Amino acid sequence: MDIIYSQKFSKEYKKIPDNIKKLAEDKEVLFRKNPFDLKLKNHRLRGKLKSFYSFSIDYKYRIIFEFSKDKKKVYFHLIGKHDIYN
């Protein structure tokens, strides 16, 4: 599975603490094996973000993503604390 990182994702990733970066990298490995592994707490979003999904890095940090129509690519759009949903 190919993961494409948006420019905003890359910019926000640089700002997060190093320990969260390490956790995010570990979660990405798990995500690549199975995007719906229960350890990720993956879920579809609602409202204006209803075409996107989110998974947890830790209690505070999340990644918002979407699948391509053919499901062969995933776009990581945002990374950050719970307020990224706003």
PDB file of N, CA and C in Angstrom:
ATOM      1  N   MET A   1       0.844  -1.171   0.000  1.00  0.00           N
ATOM      2  CA  MET A   1       0.000   0.000   0.000  1.00  0.00           C
ATOM      3  C   MET A   1       0.897   1.245   0.000  1.00  0.00           C
ATOM      4  N   ASP A   2       0.592   2.154  -0.897  1.00  0.00           N
ATOM      5  CA  ASP A   2       1.326   3.414  -0.948  1.00  0.00           C
ATOM      6  C   ASP A   2       0.660   4.429  -0.037  1.00  0.00           C
ATOM      7  N   ILE A   3       1.468   5.155   0.718  1.00  0.00           N
ATOM      8  CA  ILE A   3       0.957   6.245   1.543  1.00  0.00           C
ATOM      9  C   ILE A   3       1.515   7.539   0.980  1.00  0.00           C
ATOM     10  N   ILE A   4       0.613   8.470   0.721  1.00  0.00           N
ATOM     11  CA  ILE A   4       0.999   9.780   0.206  1.00  0.00           C
ATOM     12  C   ILE A   4       0.730  10.794   1.307  1.00  0.00           C
ATOM     13  N   TYR A   5       1.746  11.579   1.616  1.00  0.00           N
ATOM     14  CA  TYR A   5       1.655  12.560   2.693  1.00  0.00           C
ATOM     15  C   TYR A   5       1.364  13.928   2.105  1.00  0.00           C
ATOM     16  N   SER A   6       0.300  14.553   2.565  1.00  0.00           N
ATOM     17  CA  SER A   6      -0.016  15.897   2.088  1.00  0.00           C
ATOM     18  C   SER A   6       1.037  16.883   2.591  1.00  0.00           C
ATOM     19  N   GLN A   7       1.097  18.009   1.948  1.00  0.00           N
ATOM     20  CA  GLN A   7       2.033  19.046   2.356  1.00  0.00           C
ATOM     21  C   GLN A   7       1.731  19.493   3.787  1.00  0.00           C
ATOM     22  N   LYS A   8       0.444  19.624   4.110  1.00  0.00           N
ATOM     23  CA  LYS A   8       0.048  20.034   5.458  1.00  0.00           C
ATOM     24  C   LYS A   8       0.462  18.979   6.487  1.00  0.00           C
ATOM     25  N   PHE A   9       0.275  17.710   6.143  1.00  0.00           N
ATOM     26  CA  PHE A   9       0.691  16.631   7.038  1.00  0.00           C
ATOM     27  C   PHE A   9       2.185  16.735   7.322  1.00  0.00           C
ATOM     28  N   SER A  10       2.982  16.875   6.274  1.00  0.00           N
ATOM     29  CA  SER A  10       4.438  16.954   6.424  1.00  0.00           C
ATOM     30  C   SER A  10       4.849  18.141   7.281  1.00  0.00           C
ATOM     31  N   LYS A  11       4.184  19.253   7.081  1.00  0.00           N
ATOM     32  CA  LYS A  11       4.481  20.469   7.857  1.00  0.00           C
ATOM     33  C   LYS A  11       4.145  20.264   9.337  1.00  0.00           C
ATOM     34  N   GLU A  12       2.989  19.695   9.607  1.00  0.00           N
ATOM     35  CA  GLU A  12       2.560  19.478  10.993  1.00  0.00           C
ATOM     36  C   GLU A  12       3.402  18.393  11.664  1.00  0.00           C
ATOM     37  N   TYR A  13       3.817  17.380  10.898  1.00  0.00           N
ATOM     38  CA  TYR A  13       4.641  16.299  11.438  1.00  0.00           C
ATOM     39  C   TYR A  13       5.941  16.842  12.015  1.00  0.00           C
ATOM     40  N   LYS A  14       6.516  17.815  11.355  1.00  0.00           N
ATOM     41  CA  LYS A  14       7.775  18.414  11.817  1.00  0.00           C
ATOM     42  C   LYS A  14       7.622  19.097  13.172  1.00  0.00           C
ATOM     43  N   LYS A  15       6.405  19.511  13.499  1.00  0.00           N
ATOM     44  CA  LYS A  15       6.151  20.265  14.736  1.00  0.00           C
ATOM     45  C   LYS A  15       5.873  19.390  15.958  1.00  0.00           C
ATOM     46  N   ILE A  16       5.537  18.130  15.736  1.00  0.00           N
ATOM     47  CA  ILE A  16       5.159  17.299  16.882  1.00  0.00           C
ATOM     48  C   ILE A  16       6.410  16.827  17.631  1.00  0.00           C
ATOM     49  N   PRO A  17       6.258  16.512  18.912  1.00  0.00           N
ATOM     50  CA  PRO A  17       7.405  16.055  19.716  1.00  0.00           C
ATOM     51  C   PRO A  17       8.025  14.769  19.167  1.00  0.00           C
ATOM     52  N   ASP A  18       9.305  14.606  19.395  1.00  0.00           N
ATOM     53  CA  ASP A  18      10.031  13.440  18.883  1.00  0.00           C
ATOM     54  C   ASP A  18       9.445  12.117  19.357  1.00  0.00           C
ATOM     55  N   ASN A  19       9.006  12.059  20.610  1.00  0.00           N
ATOM     56  CA  ASN A  19       8.437  10.796  21.108  1.00  0.00           C
ATOM     57  C   ASN A  19       7.141  10.445  20.374  1.00  0.00           C
ATOM     58  N   ILE A  20       6.379  11.450  19.959  1.00  0.00           N
ATOM     59  CA  ILE A  20       5.148  11.211  19.206  1.00  0.00           C
ATOM     60  C   ILE A  20       5.494  10.789  17.778  1.00  0.00           C
ATOM     61  N   LYS A  21       6.556  11.369  17.222  1.00  0.00           N
ATOM     62  CA  LYS A  21       7.008  10.953  15.888  1.00  0.00           C
ATOM     63  C   LYS A  21       7.343   9.470  15.886  1.00  0.00           C
ATOM     64  N   LYS A  22       8.036   9.013  16.910  1.00  0.00           N
ATOM     65  CA  LYS A  22       8.408   7.605  17.021  1.00  0.00           C
ATOM     66  C   LYS A  22       7.157   6.720  17.108  1.00  0.00           C
ATOM     67  N   LEU A  23       6.200   7.138  17.930  1.00  0.00           N
ATOM     68  CA  LEU A  23       4.945   6.386  18.038  1.00  0.00           C
ATOM     69  C   LEU A  23       4.206   6.364  16.702  1.00  0.00           C
ATOM     70  N   ALA A  24       4.193   7.501  16.004  1.00  0.00           N
ATOM     71  CA  ALA A  24       3.518   7.598  14.705  1.00  0.00           C
ATOM     72  C   ALA A  24       4.160   6.653  13.696  1.00  0.00           C
ATOM     73  N   GLU A  25       5.473   6.575  13.709  1.00  0.00           N
ATOM     74  CA  GLU A  25       6.179   5.671  12.799  1.00  0.00           C
ATOM     75  C   GLU A  25       5.835   4.214  13.112  1.00  0.00           C
ATOM     76  N   ASP A  26       5.766   3.885  14.393  1.00  0.00           N
ATOM     77  CA  ASP A  26       5.387   2.519  14.792  1.00  0.00           C
ATOM     78  C   ASP A  26       3.959   2.199  14.349  1.00  0.00           C
ATOM     79  N   LYS A  27       3.060   3.164  14.518  1.00  0.00           N
ATOM     80  CA  LYS A  27       1.661   2.962  14.116  1.00  0.00           C
ATOM     81  C   LYS A  27       1.544   2.850  12.602  1.00  0.00           C
ATOM     82  N   GLU A  28       2.391   3.577  11.882  1.00  0.00           N
ATOM     83  CA  GLU A  28       2.354   3.476  10.420  1.00  0.00           C
ATOM     84  C   GLU A  28       2.749   2.074   9.951  1.00  0.00           C
ATOM     85  N   VAL A  29       3.716   1.468  10.611  1.00  0.00           N
ATOM     86  CA  VAL A  29       4.106   0.092  10.283  1.00  0.00           C
ATOM     87  C   VAL A  29       2.910  -0.832  10.486  1.00  0.00           C
ATOM     88  N   LEU A  30       2.224  -0.677  11.597  1.00  0.00           N
ATOM     89  CA  LEU A  30       1.038  -1.474  11.891  1.00  0.00           C
ATOM     90  C   LEU A  30      -0.057  -1.202  10.852  1.00  0.00           C
ATOM     91  N   PHE A  31      -0.236   0.077  10.510  1.00  0.00           N
ATOM     92  CA  PHE A  31      -1.241   0.492   9.526  1.00  0.00           C
ATOM     93  C   PHE A  31      -0.972  -0.160   8.168  1.00  0.00           C
ATOM     94  N   ARG A  32       0.288  -0.192   7.755  1.00  0.00           N
ATOM     95  CA  ARG A  32       0.632  -0.786   6.457  1.00  0.00           C
ATOM     96  C   ARG A  32       0.296  -2.281   6.419  1.00  0.00           C
ATOM     97  N   LYS A  33       0.415  -2.961   7.550  1.00  0.00           N
ATOM     98  CA  LYS A  33       0.086  -4.388   7.621  1.00  0.00           C
ATOM     99  C   LYS A  33      -1.420  -4.608   7.594  1.00  0.00           C
ATOM    100  N   ASN A  34      -2.146  -3.780   8.358  1.00  0.00           N
ATOM    101  CA  ASN A  34      -3.599  -3.894   8.442  1.00  0.00           C
ATOM    102  C   ASN A  34      -4.173  -2.556   8.897  1.00  0.00           C
ATOM    103  N   PRO A  35      -4.727  -1.761   7.967  1.00  0.00           N
ATOM    104  CA  PRO A  35      -5.253  -0.447   8.327  1.00  0.00           C
ATOM    105  C   PRO A  35      -6.376  -0.483   9.365  1.00  0.00           C
ATOM    106  N   PHE A  36      -6.976  -1.649   9.544  1.00  0.00           N
ATOM    107  CA  PHE A  36      -8.083  -1.749  10.494  1.00  0.00           C
ATOM    108  C   PHE A  36      -7.728  -2.565  11.733  1.00  0.00           C
ATOM    109  N   ASP A  37      -6.436  -2.689  12.021  1.00  0.00           N
ATOM    110  CA  ASP A  37      -6.001  -3.351  13.253  1.00  0.00           C
ATOM    111  C   ASP A  37      -6.638  -2.619  14.435  1.00  0.00           C
ATOM    112  N   LEU A  38      -7.189  -3.349  15.349  1.00  0.00           N
ATOM    113  CA  LEU A  38      -7.894  -2.759  16.491  1.00  0.00           C
ATOM    114  C   LEU A  38      -7.003  -1.858  17.349  1.00  0.00           C
ATOM    115  N   LYS A  39      -5.696  -2.101  17.331  1.00  0.00           N
ATOM    116  CA  LYS A  39      -4.768  -1.271  18.117  1.00  0.00           C
ATOM    117  C   LYS A  39      -4.723   0.166  17.605  1.00  0.00           C
ATOM    118  N   LEU A  40      -5.127   0.387  16.364  1.00  0.00           N
ATOM    119  CA  LEU A  40      -5.106   1.733  15.791  1.00  0.00           C
ATOM    120  C   LEU A  40      -6.335   2.560  16.181  1.00  0.00           C
ATOM    121  N   LYS A  41      -7.381   1.898  16.628  1.00  0.00           N
ATOM    122  CA  LYS A  41      -8.643   2.577  16.948  1.00  0.00           C
ATOM    123  C   LYS A  41      -9.133   3.384  15.749  1.00  0.00           C
ATOM    124  N   ASN A  42      -9.031   2.759  14.593  1.00  0.00           N
ATOM    125  CA  ASN A  42      -9.418   3.381  13.341  1.00  0.00           C
ATOM    126  C   ASN A  42     -10.934   3.577  13.296  1.00  0.00           C
ATOM    127  N   HIS A  43     -11.378   4.728  12.796  1.00  0.00           N
ATOM    128  CA  HIS A  43     -12.813   4.967  12.659  1.00  0.00           C
ATOM    129  C   HIS A  43     -13.094   5.995  11.571  1.00  0.00           C
ATOM    130  N   ARG A  44     -14.270   5.862  10.980  1.00  0.00           N
ATOM    131  CA  ARG A  44     -14.718   6.827   9.983  1.00  0.00           C
ATOM    132  C   ARG A  44     -15.185   8.079  10.713  1.00  0.00           C
ATOM    133  N   LEU A  45     -14.894   9.219  10.111  1.00  0.00           N
ATOM    134  CA  LEU A  45     -15.296  10.483  10.718  1.00  0.00           C
ATOM    135  C   LEU A  45     -16.700  10.866  10.265  1.00  0.00           C
ATOM    136  N   ARG A  46     -17.245  11.872  10.905  1.00  0.00           N
ATOM    137  CA  ARG A  46     -18.608  12.323  10.619  1.00  0.00           C
ATOM    138  C   ARG A  46     -18.602  13.785  10.209  1.00  0.00           C
ATOM    139  N   GLY A  47     -19.772  14.253   9.830  1.00  0.00           N
ATOM    140  CA  GLY A  47     -19.939  15.661   9.493  1.00  0.00           C
ATOM    141  C   GLY A  47     -19.166  16.050   8.250  1.00  0.00           C
ATOM    142  N   LYS A  48     -18.515  17.190   8.316  1.00  0.00           N
ATOM    143  CA  LYS A  48     -17.799  17.697   7.138  1.00  0.00           C
ATOM    144  C   LYS A  48     -16.605  16.819   6.755  1.00  0.00           C
ATOM    145  N   LEU A  49     -16.174  15.946   7.651  1.00  0.00           N
ATOM    146  CA  LEU A  49     -15.045  15.048   7.379  1.00  0.00           C
ATOM    147  C   LEU A  49     -15.508  13.611   7.107  1.00  0.00           C
ATOM    148  N   LYS A  50     -16.766  13.432   6.713  1.00  0.00           N
ATOM    149  CA  LYS A  50     -17.344  12.087   6.606  1.00  0.00           C
ATOM    150  C   LYS A  50     -16.673  11.185   5.573  1.00  0.00           C
ATOM    151  N   SER A  51     -15.902  11.728   4.658  1.00  0.00           N
ATOM    152  CA  SER A  51     -15.212  10.872   3.686  1.00  0.00           C
ATOM    153  C   SER A  51     -13.815  10.464   4.158  1.00  0.00           C
ATOM    154  N   PHE A  52     -13.463  10.850   5.384  1.00  0.00           N
ATOM    155  CA  PHE A  52     -12.142  10.569   5.933  1.00  0.00           C
ATOM    156  C   PHE A  52     -12.233   9.588   7.101  1.00  0.00           C
ATOM    157  N   TYR A  53     -11.070   9.045   7.435  1.00  0.00           N
ATOM    158  CA  TYR A  53     -10.911   8.175   8.598  1.00  0.00           C
ATOM    159  C   TYR A  53      -9.857   8.784   9.511  1.00  0.00           C
ATOM    160  N   SER A  54      -9.791   8.253  10.718  1.00  0.00           N
ATOM    161  CA  SER A  54      -8.784   8.681  11.668  1.00  0.00           C
ATOM    162  C   SER A  54      -8.298   7.469  12.443  1.00  0.00           C
ATOM    163  N   PHE A  55      -7.010   7.508  12.827  1.00  0.00           N
ATOM    164  CA  PHE A  55      -6.528   6.510  13.765  1.00  0.00           C
ATOM    165  C   PHE A  55      -5.670   7.190  14.825  1.00  0.00           C
ATOM    166  N   SER A  56      -5.568   6.535  15.966  1.00  0.00           N
ATOM    167  CA  SER A  56      -4.878   7.095  17.119  1.00  0.00           C
ATOM    168  C   SER A  56      -3.402   6.764  17.110  1.00  0.00           C
ATOM    169  N   ILE A  57      -2.608   7.772  17.434  1.00  0.00           N
ATOM    170  CA  ILE A  57      -1.180   7.561  17.681  1.00  0.00           C
ATOM    171  C   ILE A  57      -1.003   7.270  19.164  1.00  0.00           C
ATOM    172  N   ASP A  58      -1.620   8.106  19.971  1.00  0.00           N
ATOM    173  CA  ASP A  58      -1.696   7.891  21.417  1.00  0.00           C
ATOM    174  C   ASP A  58      -3.000   8.525  21.881  1.00  0.00           C
ATOM    175  N   TYR A  59      -3.128   8.790  23.159  1.00  0.00           N
ATOM    176  CA  TYR A  59      -4.374   9.335  23.694  1.00  0.00           C
ATOM    177  C   TYR A  59      -4.711  10.696  23.086  1.00  0.00           C
ATOM    178  N   LYS A  60      -3.711  11.531  22.803  1.00  0.00           N
ATOM    179  CA  LYS A  60      -3.952  12.884  22.304  1.00  0.00           C
ATOM    180  C   LYS A  60      -3.820  13.044  20.794  1.00  0.00           C
ATOM    181  N   TYR A  61      -2.908  12.322  20.176  1.00  0.00           N
ATOM    182  CA  TYR A  61      -2.573  12.565  18.766  1.00  0.00           C
ATOM    183  C   TYR A  61      -3.259  11.597  17.814  1.00  0.00           C
ATOM    184  N   ARG A  62      -3.655  12.140  16.650  1.00  0.00           N
ATOM    185  CA  ARG A  62      -4.376  11.394  15.630  1.00  0.00           C
ATOM    186  C   ARG A  62      -3.792  11.656  14.251  1.00  0.00           C
ATOM    187  N   ILE A  63      -4.105  10.767  13.327  1.00  0.00           N
ATOM    188  CA  ILE A  63      -3.825  10.975  11.910  1.00  0.00           C
ATOM    189  C   ILE A  63      -5.154  10.864  11.165  1.00  0.00           C
ATOM    190  N   ILE A  64      -5.434  11.854  10.324  1.00  0.00           N
ATOM    191  CA  ILE A  64      -6.622  11.827   9.475  1.00  0.00           C
ATOM    192  C   ILE A  64      -6.171  11.423   8.074  1.00  0.00           C
ATOM    193  N   PHE A  65      -6.892  10.464   7.505  1.00  0.00           N
ATOM    194  CA  PHE A  65      -6.500   9.931   6.203  1.00  0.00           C
ATOM    195  C   PHE A  65      -7.724   9.558   5.385  1.00  0.00           C
ATOM    196  N   GLU A  66      -7.465   9.252   4.116  1.00  0.00           N
ATOM    197  CA  GLU A  66      -8.520   8.715   3.254  1.00  0.00           C
ATOM    198  C   GLU A  66      -7.917   7.707   2.290  1.00  0.00           C
ATOM    199  N   PHE A  67      -8.734   6.770   1.884  1.00  0.00           N
ATOM    200  CA  PHE A  67      -8.334   5.774   0.904  1.00  0.00           C
ATOM    201  C   PHE A  67      -8.624   6.300  -0.495  1.00  0.00           C
ATOM    202  N   SER A  68      -7.776   5.928  -1.459  1.00  0.00           N
ATOM    203  CA  SER A  68      -8.088   6.228  -2.852  1.00  0.00           C
ATOM    204  C   SER A  68      -9.271   5.349  -3.257  1.00  0.00           C
ATOM    205  N   LYS A  69      -9.890   5.697  -4.352  1.00  0.00           N
ATOM    206  CA  LYS A  69     -11.063   4.938  -4.796  1.00  0.00           C
ATOM    207  C   LYS A  69     -10.744   3.467  -5.051  1.00  0.00           C
ATOM    208  N   ASP A  70      -9.541   3.180  -5.540  1.00  0.00           N
ATOM    209  CA  ASP A  70      -9.158   1.786  -5.805  1.00  0.00           C
ATOM    210  C   ASP A  70      -8.549   1.095  -4.582  1.00  0.00           C
ATOM    211  N   LYS A  71      -8.440   1.829  -3.476  1.00  0.00           N
ATOM    212  CA  LYS A  71      -7.920   1.308  -2.194  1.00  0.00           C
ATOM    213  C   LYS A  71      -6.442   0.905  -2.251  1.00  0.00           C
ATOM    214  N   LYS A  72      -5.733   1.322  -3.291  1.00  0.00           N
ATOM    215  CA  LYS A  72      -4.314   0.979  -3.409  1.00  0.00           C
ATOM    216  C   LYS A  72      -3.417   2.061  -2.809  1.00  0.00           C
ATOM    217  N   LYS A  73      -3.980   3.227  -2.579  1.00  0.00           N
ATOM    218  CA  LYS A  73      -3.239   4.340  -1.994  1.00  0.00           C
ATOM    219  C   LYS A  73      -4.002   4.878  -0.809  1.00  0.00           C
ATOM    220  N   VAL A  74      -3.243   5.449   0.111  1.00  0.00           N
ATOM    221  CA  VAL A  74      -3.829   6.127   1.263  1.00  0.00           C
ATOM    222  C   VAL A  74      -3.202   7.508   1.331  1.00  0.00           C
ATOM    223  N   TYR A  75      -4.029   8.491   1.585  1.00  0.00           N
ATOM    224  CA  TYR A  75      -3.557   9.864   1.715  1.00  0.00           C
ATOM    225  C   TYR A  75      -3.617  10.268   3.176  1.00  0.00           C
ATOM    226  N   PHE A  76      -2.452  10.546   3.762  1.00  0.00           N
ATOM    227  CA  PHE A  76      -2.393  11.078   5.119  1.00  0.00           C
ATOM    228  C   PHE A  76      -2.507  12.593   5.003  1.00  0.00           C
ATOM    229  N   HIS A  77      -3.616  13.135   5.516  1.00  0.00           N
ATOM    230  CA  HIS A  77      -3.897  14.562   5.364  1.00  0.00           C
ATOM    231  C   HIS A  77      -3.432  15.414   6.540  1.00  0.00           C
ATOM    232  N   LEU A  78      -3.711  14.947   7.743  1.00  0.00           N
ATOM    233  CA  LEU A  78      -3.414  15.749   8.936  1.00  0.00           C
ATOM    234  C   LEU A  78      -2.883  14.881  10.049  1.00  0.00           C
ATOM    235  N   ILE A  79      -2.071  15.484  10.879  1.00  0.00           N
ATOM    236  CA  ILE A  79      -1.597  14.849  12.103  1.00  0.00           C
ATOM    237  C   ILE A  79      -1.642  15.906  13.193  1.00  0.00           C
ATOM    238  N   GLY A  80      -2.080  15.513  14.367  1.00  0.00           N
ATOM    239  CA  GLY A  80      -2.112  16.467  15.461  1.00  0.00           C
ATOM    240  C   GLY A  80      -3.004  15.995  16.592  1.00  0.00           C
ATOM    241  N   LYS A  81      -3.227  16.908  17.514  1.00  0.00           N
ATOM    242  CA  LYS A  81      -4.091  16.611  18.654  1.00  0.00           C
ATOM    243  C   LYS A  81      -5.537  16.567  18.195  1.00  0.00           C
ATOM    244  N   HIS A  82      -6.416  16.236  19.096  1.00  0.00           N
ATOM    245  CA  HIS A  82      -7.832  16.035  18.779  1.00  0.00           C
ATOM    246  C   HIS A  82      -8.452  17.251  18.092  1.00  0.00           C
ATOM    247  N   ASP A  83      -7.888  18.428  18.283  1.00  0.00           N
ATOM    248  CA  ASP A  83      -8.478  19.637  17.665  1.00  0.00           C
ATOM    249  C   ASP A  83      -8.284  19.691  16.150  1.00  0.00           C
ATOM    250  N   ILE A  84      -7.576  18.739  15.553  1.00  0.00           N
ATOM    251  CA  ILE A  84      -7.431  18.732  14.095  1.00  0.00           C
ATOM    252  C   ILE A  84      -8.766  18.442  13.407  1.00  0.00           C
ATOM    253  N   TYR A  85      -9.754  17.958  14.153  1.00  0.00           N
ATOM    254  CA  TYR A  85     -11.057  17.683  13.589  1.00  0.00           C
ATOM    255  C   TYR A  85     -11.840  18.958  13.299  1.00  0.00           C
ATOM    256  N   ASN A  86     -11.412  20.043  13.860  1.00  0.00           N
ATOM    257  CA  ASN A  86     -12.141  21.316  13.682  1.00  0.00           C
ATOM    258  C   ASN A  86     -11.786  22.004  12.397  1.00  0.00           C
TER     259      ASN A  86
END
